[in-house]
Amino acid sequence: MAQAGRLTAIVTTTGRRLGGMALRRGSWSLIDQAIMSGGTFVGNILMARELSRNDYGIFAILFSAMLGLQIFNTTLLHHPLSIRLVTKEDEQKKPLMAASMILTTVLSLMLALGLAIGIVAFGFAYLLVPAIAWFIAWQVQESMRRGLLSLFRHKEACIGDAISYIGQAVAIVALAYFDQLTLYTALWAMALTSLLAALLQLVQLSPFTRQGLPLRETVVDYWSVGGVWTLGSGLFTLVRNQIVPWTLAVIGGPSAAAGFQAAANVISLLNPISMSVGNVMPQAVSETKAKGRLHAWRTARSYGILALPPIVGYGLLATVLPSILLMVLYGSDSSYVLLHWPVRFLMLAMFLSYLGEVAIFYLHGMAAIRLAFVIN
């Protein structure tokens, strides 16, 4: 009986410790993601209100394409960094971060070439320079940000992310106030804020080292983490998230894509919650998996449960009163107010997607990439 009591006490204490750690880390991850998603959300809403439906549709197409290309950086570099960096000795962390940043920059330049071809092919050549500038600055800043998140330095990441994402919203407000807001000027503003944030987060990480950079070793190691399975899973995510807006763009043009983006903006209010879980769960699981799968799953579960109440609560609101939410965001005279059924469908898709992503985040932390690929 005494042994059973001690075992129960140990399990209870461990559970409380995991819950407290999850709440502490999860809270800063949520704050950081709220800054990132909040700035993006406000900027999206302002452009939807101020730009023509055609111009906003072009922005939606560009934004969708950039998110799609970002999958390559996320799966091939950012995900391996998140589960490798936390397990490294202190003297090994700076070289790994520096190598990851260089690899991200090189891959982003290659991806930018493909983006440039697409921009010209779709007839948006006048947006080529600011769009490419924003994409590269954004990806470099995301690399710095991922380095901070991989070390659970979410609190520090908030400063740079505020400059990048809240800065974008402030810049768009300023451009609109002075009657200078166009898609061209908005893209330049986002490029500038991303660059400023990248410079700050570079100083925060301070990855500079006199040690040789293990570029080749990092490439081999990152590929061994998941390789084709990680990339394949990322491509499935790309298809799952982008097939609808791109199909609409091909069939109905930028205006149809604008309608989809306007409905998706309503759901994107939940992005800080779901994405904050993804920003902390894989590395937390990787950190604890040496203690066994049960311990790692308890860690993952504690993070996953934290996000459920607000997701369910807002999901019910968006399902019951979508027209009111659309009216608040876009105004009563906007054509976007009629998108109440798309909002309901996207809310259901978001909830089901979150349940699957919790399992995927856990499996990524356990390096069970093939099973994550199957689930995706």
Protein backbone atom coordinates (compact mmCIF):
# COMPACT_ATOMS: atom_id res chain seq x y z
CA MET A 1 0.00 0.00 0.00
CA ALA A 2 2.82 2.37 0.89
CA GLN A 3 4.56 1.68 -2.41
CA ALA A 4 1.32 2.23 -4.30
CA GLY A 5 0.83 5.52 -2.47
CA ARG A 6 4.35 6.69 -3.33
CA LEU A 7 3.84 5.68 -6.96
CA THR A 8 0.56 7.62 -7.09
CA ALA A 9 2.27 10.66 -5.56
CA ILE A 10 5.09 10.48 -8.12
CA VAL A 11 2.64 10.22 -11.02
CA THR A 12 0.58 13.12 -9.66
CA THR A 13 3.63 15.30 -9.12
CA THR A 14 4.95 14.49 -12.59
CA GLY A 15 1.60 15.33 -14.12
CA ARG A 16 1.48 18.67 -12.31
CA ARG A 17 5.05 19.46 -13.37
CA LEU A 18 4.26 18.67 -16.99
CA GLY A 19 1.09 20.71 -16.84
CA GLY A 20 2.90 23.70 -15.31
CA MET A 21 5.70 23.54 -17.85
CA ALA A 22 3.20 23.19 -20.68
CA LEU A 23 1.24 26.19 -19.40
CA ARG A 24 4.37 28.35 -19.03
CA ARG A 25 5.87 27.47 -22.39
CA GLY A 26 2.50 27.32 -24.07
CA SER A 27 1.55 30.76 -22.76
CA TRP A 28 4.59 32.49 -24.29
CA SER A 29 4.18 30.47 -27.47
CA LEU A 30 0.56 31.63 -27.63
CA ILE A 31 1.53 35.26 -27.02
CA ASP A 32 4.16 35.10 -29.74
CA GLN A 33 1.80 33.43 -32.18
CA ALA A 34 -0.94 35.94 -31.31
CA ILE A 35 1.45 38.76 -32.23
CA MET A 36 2.32 37.05 -35.51
CA SER A 37 -1.20 36.02 -36.49
CA GLY A 38 -2.78 39.19 -35.12
CA GLY A 39 -0.59 41.44 -37.23
CA THR A 40 -1.20 39.28 -40.31
CA PHE A 41 -4.95 39.26 -39.61
CA VAL A 42 -5.25 43.03 -39.20
CA GLY A 43 -3.17 43.63 -42.33
CA ASN A 44 -5.36 41.21 -44.29
CA ILE A 45 -8.57 42.85 -43.12
CA LEU A 46 -7.31 46.36 -43.91
CA MET A 47 -6.27 45.34 -47.41
CA ALA A 48 -9.59 43.56 -47.97
CA ARG A 49 -11.38 46.77 -47.00
CA GLU A 50 -9.15 49.24 -48.87
CA LEU A 51 -8.05 47.42 -52.03
CA SER A 52 -10.26 46.48 -54.93
CA ARG A 53 -11.52 42.91 -54.92
CA ASN A 54 -9.24 42.14 -57.87
CA ASP A 55 -6.13 43.52 -56.14
CA TYR A 56 -6.97 41.75 -52.90
CA GLY A 57 -7.43 38.57 -54.90
CA ILE A 58 -3.95 39.00 -56.40
CA PHE A 59 -2.56 39.43 -52.88
CA ALA A 60 -4.38 36.27 -51.77
CA ILE A 61 -2.82 34.34 -54.67
CA LEU A 62 0.68 35.65 -53.88
CA PHE A 63 0.29 34.98 -50.16
CA SER A 64 -0.97 31.46 -50.87
CA ALA A 65 1.97 30.78 -53.20
CA MET A 66 4.48 32.01 -50.62
CA LEU A 67 2.94 29.89 -47.88
CA GLY A 68 3.17 26.93 -50.23
CA LEU A 69 6.84 27.51 -50.98
CA GLN A 70 7.54 27.98 -47.28
CA ILE A 71 6.62 24.31 -46.82
CA PHE A 72 10.05 23.38 -48.23
CA ASN A 73 11.86 25.46 -45.62
CA THR A 74 9.58 24.22 -42.86
CA THR A 75 9.88 20.51 -43.62
CA LEU A 76 13.49 20.30 -44.75
CA LEU A 77 15.08 22.77 -42.33
CA HIS A 78 12.86 24.22 -39.60
CA HIS A 79 11.34 20.96 -38.40
CA PRO A 80 14.70 19.13 -38.08
CA LEU A 81 16.15 22.19 -36.32
CA SER A 82 13.34 22.18 -33.77
CA ILE A 83 14.00 18.60 -32.65
CA ARG A 84 17.80 18.59 -33.01
CA LEU A 85 18.75 21.92 -31.40
CA VAL A 86 17.08 21.20 -28.07
CA THR A 87 19.12 18.00 -27.60
CA LYS A 88 22.53 19.48 -28.52
CA GLU A 89 25.26 20.44 -26.09
CA ASP A 90 25.71 24.18 -25.59
CA GLU A 91 28.88 24.39 -27.69
CA GLN A 92 27.12 22.65 -30.60
CA LYS A 93 24.09 24.93 -30.73
CA LYS A 94 25.59 28.03 -32.35
CA PRO A 95 27.21 26.19 -35.29
CA LEU A 96 23.97 24.31 -35.92
CA MET A 97 21.91 27.51 -35.86
CA ALA A 98 24.33 29.31 -38.17
CA ALA A 99 24.34 26.40 -40.62
CA SER A 100 20.54 26.26 -40.58
CA MET A 101 20.27 29.98 -41.32
CA ILE A 102 22.67 29.78 -44.25
CA LEU A 103 20.83 26.77 -45.66
CA THR A 104 17.49 28.56 -45.27
CA THR A 105 18.80 31.60 -47.12
CA VAL A 106 20.16 29.50 -49.99
CA LEU A 107 16.97 27.45 -50.30
CA SER A 108 14.84 30.61 -50.11
CA LEU A 109 16.76 32.15 -53.01
CA MET A 110 16.11 29.02 -55.06
CA LEU A 111 12.41 29.08 -54.16
CA ALA A 112 12.27 32.80 -55.00
CA LEU A 113 13.33 31.96 -58.55
CA GLY A 114 10.31 29.70 -58.94
CA LEU A 115 8.09 32.37 -57.40
CA ALA A 116 9.43 34.95 -59.84
CA ILE A 117 8.61 32.73 -62.82
CA GLY A 118 5.07 32.27 -61.53
CA ILE A 119 4.57 36.00 -60.91
CA VAL A 120 5.60 36.85 -64.47
CA ALA A 121 3.59 33.96 -65.96
CA PHE A 122 0.40 35.14 -64.22
CA GLY A 123 0.88 38.67 -65.50
CA PHE A 124 1.91 40.30 -62.22
CA ALA A 125 5.39 41.41 -63.36
CA TYR A 126 4.90 44.92 -61.91
CA LEU A 127 4.89 43.29 -58.45
CA LEU A 128 7.99 41.17 -59.06
CA VAL A 129 10.60 43.13 -57.08
CA PRO A 130 8.58 43.90 -53.90
CA ALA A 131 7.08 40.40 -53.84
CA ILE A 132 10.49 38.70 -54.09
CA ALA A 133 11.96 41.12 -51.53
CA TRP A 134 9.16 40.32 -49.08
CA PHE A 135 9.42 36.56 -49.61
CA ILE A 136 13.19 36.41 -49.01
CA ALA A 137 13.09 38.78 -46.01
CA TRP A 138 10.16 36.83 -44.56
CA GLN A 139 11.89 33.46 -44.92
CA VAL A 140 15.16 34.72 -43.41
CA GLN A 141 13.27 36.20 -40.46
CA GLU A 142 11.33 32.97 -40.05
CA SER A 143 14.64 31.11 -39.83
CA MET A 144 15.79 33.38 -36.97
CA ARG A 145 12.43 33.03 -35.28
CA ARG A 146 12.53 29.23 -35.50
CA GLY A 147 15.95 29.23 -33.87
CA LEU A 148 14.54 31.11 -30.87
CA LEU A 149 11.47 28.88 -30.67
CA SER A 150 13.57 25.73 -30.84
CA LEU A 151 15.32 26.87 -27.66
CA PHE A 152 11.98 27.72 -25.99
CA ARG A 153 12.90 31.43 -26.13
CA HIS A 154 9.38 32.42 -27.14
CA LYS A 155 9.44 35.50 -24.90
CA GLU A 156 12.43 36.93 -26.78
CA ALA A 157 10.92 36.05 -30.14
CA CYS A 158 7.93 38.27 -29.35
CA ILE A 159 9.96 41.46 -29.84
CA GLY A 160 11.10 40.72 -33.38
CA ASP A 161 7.75 39.22 -34.35
CA ALA A 162 6.03 42.40 -33.14
CA ILE A 163 8.31 44.45 -35.40
CA SER A 164 7.59 42.17 -38.35
CA TYR A 165 3.87 41.42 -38.06
CA ILE A 166 2.40 44.23 -35.99
CA GLY A 167 4.75 46.52 -37.88
CA GLN A 168 3.15 45.35 -41.13
CA ALA A 169 -0.31 46.25 -39.85
CA VAL A 170 0.87 49.67 -38.62
CA ALA A 171 2.56 50.37 -41.96
CA ILE A 172 -0.61 49.45 -43.87
CA VAL A 173 -2.67 51.72 -41.60
CA ALA A 174 -0.23 54.55 -42.23
CA LEU A 175 -0.28 54.00 -45.99
CA ALA A 176 -4.08 53.97 -45.98
CA TYR A 177 -4.23 57.13 -43.83
CA PHE A 178 -2.01 59.04 -46.27
CA ASP A 179 -3.90 57.56 -49.24
CA GLN A 180 -0.79 55.71 -50.43
CA LEU A 181 -1.99 52.13 -49.93
CA THR A 182 -1.64 49.99 -53.03
CA LEU A 183 -0.68 46.37 -53.37
CA TYR A 184 2.77 47.51 -54.52
CA THR A 185 3.43 49.73 -51.47
CA ALA A 186 1.97 47.13 -49.08
CA LEU A 187 4.43 44.49 -50.30
CA TRP A 188 7.37 46.86 -49.81
CA ALA A 189 6.17 47.67 -46.28
CA MET A 190 6.01 43.97 -45.38
CA ALA A 191 9.47 43.38 -46.82
CA LEU A 192 10.91 46.21 -44.71
CA THR A 193 9.37 45.10 -41.41
CA SER A 194 10.47 41.49 -42.02
CA LEU A 195 14.03 42.64 -42.68
CA LEU A 196 14.16 44.77 -39.51
CA ALA A 197 12.83 41.86 -37.43
CA ALA A 198 15.37 39.46 -38.97
CA LEU A 199 18.24 41.77 -38.02
CA LEU A 200 17.04 42.04 -34.42
CA GLN A 201 16.53 38.30 -34.02
CA LEU A 202 19.95 37.67 -35.54
CA VAL A 203 21.44 39.76 -32.73
CA GLN A 204 19.31 37.90 -30.15
CA LEU A 205 20.45 34.49 -31.38
CA SER A 206 24.06 35.59 -31.91
CA PRO A 207 24.93 32.41 -33.84
CA PHE A 208 28.32 33.74 -34.86
CA THR A 209 31.10 31.32 -34.02
CA ARG A 210 34.70 30.69 -34.95
CA GLN A 211 33.99 27.01 -35.28
CA GLY A 212 33.61 25.61 -38.76
CA LEU A 213 30.03 25.50 -39.98
CA PRO A 214 28.80 21.91 -40.37
CA LEU A 215 26.86 22.60 -43.57
CA ARG A 216 27.31 19.19 -45.18
CA GLU A 217 26.78 17.34 -41.89
CA THR A 218 23.65 19.38 -41.20
CA VAL A 219 22.17 18.59 -44.61
CA VAL A 220 22.79 14.86 -44.14
CA ASP A 221 21.45 14.87 -40.59
CA TYR A 222 18.34 16.90 -41.43
CA TRP A 223 17.55 14.61 -44.34
CA SER A 224 17.91 11.59 -42.03
CA VAL A 225 15.30 13.06 -39.68
CA GLY A 226 12.59 12.51 -42.24
CA GLY A 227 13.88 13.11 -45.72
CA VAL A 228 11.39 12.26 -48.40
CA TRP A 229 8.74 11.43 -45.78
CA THR A 230 8.94 14.87 -44.16
CA LEU A 231 8.90 16.58 -47.53
CA GLY A 232 6.04 14.37 -48.71
CA SER A 233 4.05 15.19 -45.58
CA GLY A 234 4.71 18.88 -46.17
CA LEU A 235 3.55 18.60 -49.76
CA PHE A 236 0.33 16.95 -48.59
CA THR A 237 -0.14 19.90 -46.24
CA LEU A 238 0.47 22.22 -49.18
CA VAL A 239 -2.14 20.48 -51.31
CA ARG A 240 -4.63 20.32 -48.43
CA ASN A 241 -4.31 24.02 -47.67
CA GLN A 242 -3.85 25.51 -51.12
CA ILE A 243 -5.89 23.41 -53.56
CA VAL A 244 -9.13 25.31 -52.89
CA PRO A 245 -7.87 28.90 -53.33
CA TRP A 246 -5.76 27.98 -56.35
CA THR A 247 -8.65 26.11 -57.99
CA LEU A 248 -10.86 29.13 -57.40
CA ALA A 249 -8.19 31.43 -58.84
CA VAL A 250 -7.88 29.32 -62.00
CA ILE A 251 -11.65 28.98 -62.51
CA GLY A 252 -12.93 32.33 -61.26
CA GLY A 253 -9.89 34.61 -61.27
CA PRO A 254 -8.51 36.81 -58.46
CA SER A 255 -12.01 37.88 -57.36
CA ALA A 256 -12.97 34.30 -56.45
CA ALA A 257 -9.70 33.85 -54.56
CA ALA A 258 -10.47 37.06 -52.68
CA GLY A 259 -13.79 35.63 -51.50
CA PHE A 260 -12.12 32.49 -50.18
CA GLN A 261 -9.45 34.52 -48.38
CA ALA A 262 -12.11 36.76 -46.84
CA ALA A 263 -13.89 33.71 -45.37
CA ALA A 264 -10.60 32.16 -44.27
CA ASN A 265 -9.70 35.37 -42.42
CA VAL A 266 -12.57 34.72 -40.01
CA ILE A 267 -11.13 31.30 -39.15
CA SER A 268 -7.59 32.67 -38.96
CA LEU A 269 -8.41 34.25 -35.59
CA LEU A 270 -7.73 30.77 -34.20
CA ASN A 271 -4.32 30.49 -35.86
CA PRO A 272 -2.42 31.82 -32.83
CA ILE A 273 -3.85 29.02 -30.72
CA SER A 274 -3.33 26.07 -33.05
CA MET A 275 0.03 27.25 -34.37
CA SER A 276 1.39 27.99 -30.90
CA VAL A 277 0.88 24.30 -30.10
CA GLY A 278 2.87 23.35 -33.20
CA ASN A 279 5.62 25.78 -32.23
CA VAL A 280 6.32 24.08 -28.92
CA MET A 281 5.03 20.48 -28.97
CA PRO A 282 7.59 18.75 -31.27
CA GLN A 283 10.63 20.02 -29.37
CA ALA A 284 8.94 19.36 -26.01
CA VAL A 285 8.22 15.78 -27.07
CA SER A 286 11.77 15.37 -28.41
CA GLU A 287 13.11 16.66 -25.09
CA THR A 288 11.15 14.07 -23.07
CA LYS A 289 11.01 11.03 -25.35
CA ALA A 290 14.09 9.49 -23.68
CA LYS A 291 11.84 8.88 -20.65
CA GLY A 292 9.52 6.73 -22.72
CA ARG A 293 6.61 7.04 -25.11
CA LEU A 294 4.03 7.33 -22.33
CA HIS A 295 5.84 10.29 -20.81
CA ALA A 296 6.26 11.92 -24.24
CA TRP A 297 2.56 11.42 -25.03
CA ARG A 298 1.54 12.98 -21.71
CA THR A 299 3.68 15.97 -22.62
CA ALA A 300 2.03 16.23 -26.04
CA ARG A 301 -1.45 15.77 -24.60
CA SER A 302 -0.96 18.54 -22.05
CA TYR A 303 -0.17 21.00 -24.85
CA GLY A 304 -2.97 19.76 -27.09
CA ILE A 305 -5.66 20.08 -24.42
CA LEU A 306 -4.71 23.69 -23.64
CA ALA A 307 -5.95 24.82 -27.06
CA LEU A 308 -9.29 23.01 -27.12
CA PRO A 309 -11.52 25.37 -25.05
CA PRO A 310 -10.94 28.51 -27.16
CA ILE A 311 -11.10 26.53 -30.42
CA VAL A 312 -14.43 24.96 -29.48
CA GLY A 313 -15.81 28.22 -28.05
CA TYR A 314 -14.95 30.36 -31.05
CA GLY A 315 -15.96 27.52 -33.39
CA LEU A 316 -19.47 27.57 -31.98
CA LEU A 317 -19.63 31.35 -32.37
CA ALA A 318 -18.43 31.21 -35.99
CA THR A 319 -20.90 28.43 -36.78
CA VAL A 320 -23.94 30.08 -35.21
CA LEU A 321 -23.26 33.75 -36.04
CA PRO A 322 -20.96 33.88 -39.10
CA SER A 323 -22.81 36.78 -40.73
CA ILE A 324 -22.24 39.01 -37.71
CA LEU A 325 -18.53 38.23 -37.68
CA LEU A 326 -18.28 38.98 -41.40
CA MET A 327 -20.18 42.24 -40.94
CA VAL A 328 -17.90 43.35 -38.10
CA LEU A 329 -14.78 42.61 -40.15
CA TYR A 330 -15.78 43.93 -43.57
CA GLY A 331 -18.76 46.24 -43.03
CA SER A 332 -22.45 45.70 -43.65
CA ASP A 333 -22.27 46.79 -47.30
CA SER A 334 -19.47 44.39 -48.27
CA SER A 335 -20.14 41.47 -50.60
CA TYR A 336 -18.08 39.32 -48.23
CA VAL A 337 -20.99 39.37 -45.71
CA LEU A 338 -22.72 36.70 -47.83
CA LEU A 339 -19.98 34.12 -47.14
CA HIS A 340 -21.61 32.59 -44.04
CA TRP A 341 -21.70 29.00 -45.34
CA PRO A 342 -18.03 29.02 -46.44
CA VAL A 343 -17.16 30.22 -42.93
CA ARG A 344 -19.08 27.30 -41.39
CA PHE A 345 -17.41 24.75 -43.65
CA LEU A 346 -13.94 26.18 -43.02
CA MET A 347 -14.54 26.18 -39.26
CA LEU A 348 -15.39 22.47 -39.34
CA ALA A 349 -12.33 21.79 -41.49
CA MET A 350 -10.12 23.72 -39.08
CA PHE A 351 -11.35 21.74 -36.05
CA LEU A 352 -10.82 18.37 -37.72
CA SER A 353 -7.44 19.50 -39.00
CA TYR A 354 -6.33 20.49 -35.49
CA LEU A 355 -7.08 17.02 -34.11
CA GLY A 356 -4.94 15.46 -36.82
CA GLU A 357 -2.16 17.99 -36.41
CA VAL A 358 -1.81 17.26 -32.68
CA ALA A 359 -1.01 13.66 -33.57
CA ILE A 360 1.38 14.82 -36.32
CA PHE A 361 3.19 17.23 -33.95
CA TYR A 362 3.66 14.39 -31.45
CA LEU A 363 4.96 12.00 -34.11
CA HIS A 364 7.39 14.63 -35.42
CA GLY A 365 8.80 15.00 -31.93
CA MET A 366 9.17 11.22 -31.72
CA ALA A 367 10.84 11.20 -35.17
CA ALA A 368 8.09 8.85 -36.40
CA ILE A 369 7.96 10.68 -39.71
CA ARG A 370 6.56 7.89 -41.85
CA LEU A 371 3.50 7.51 -39.64
CA ALA A 372 3.02 11.30 -39.62
CA PHE A 373 3.15 11.16 -43.43
CA VAL A 374 0.38 8.54 -43.49
CA ILE A 375 -1.82 10.58 -41.16
CA ASN A 376 -1.30 13.72 -43.23
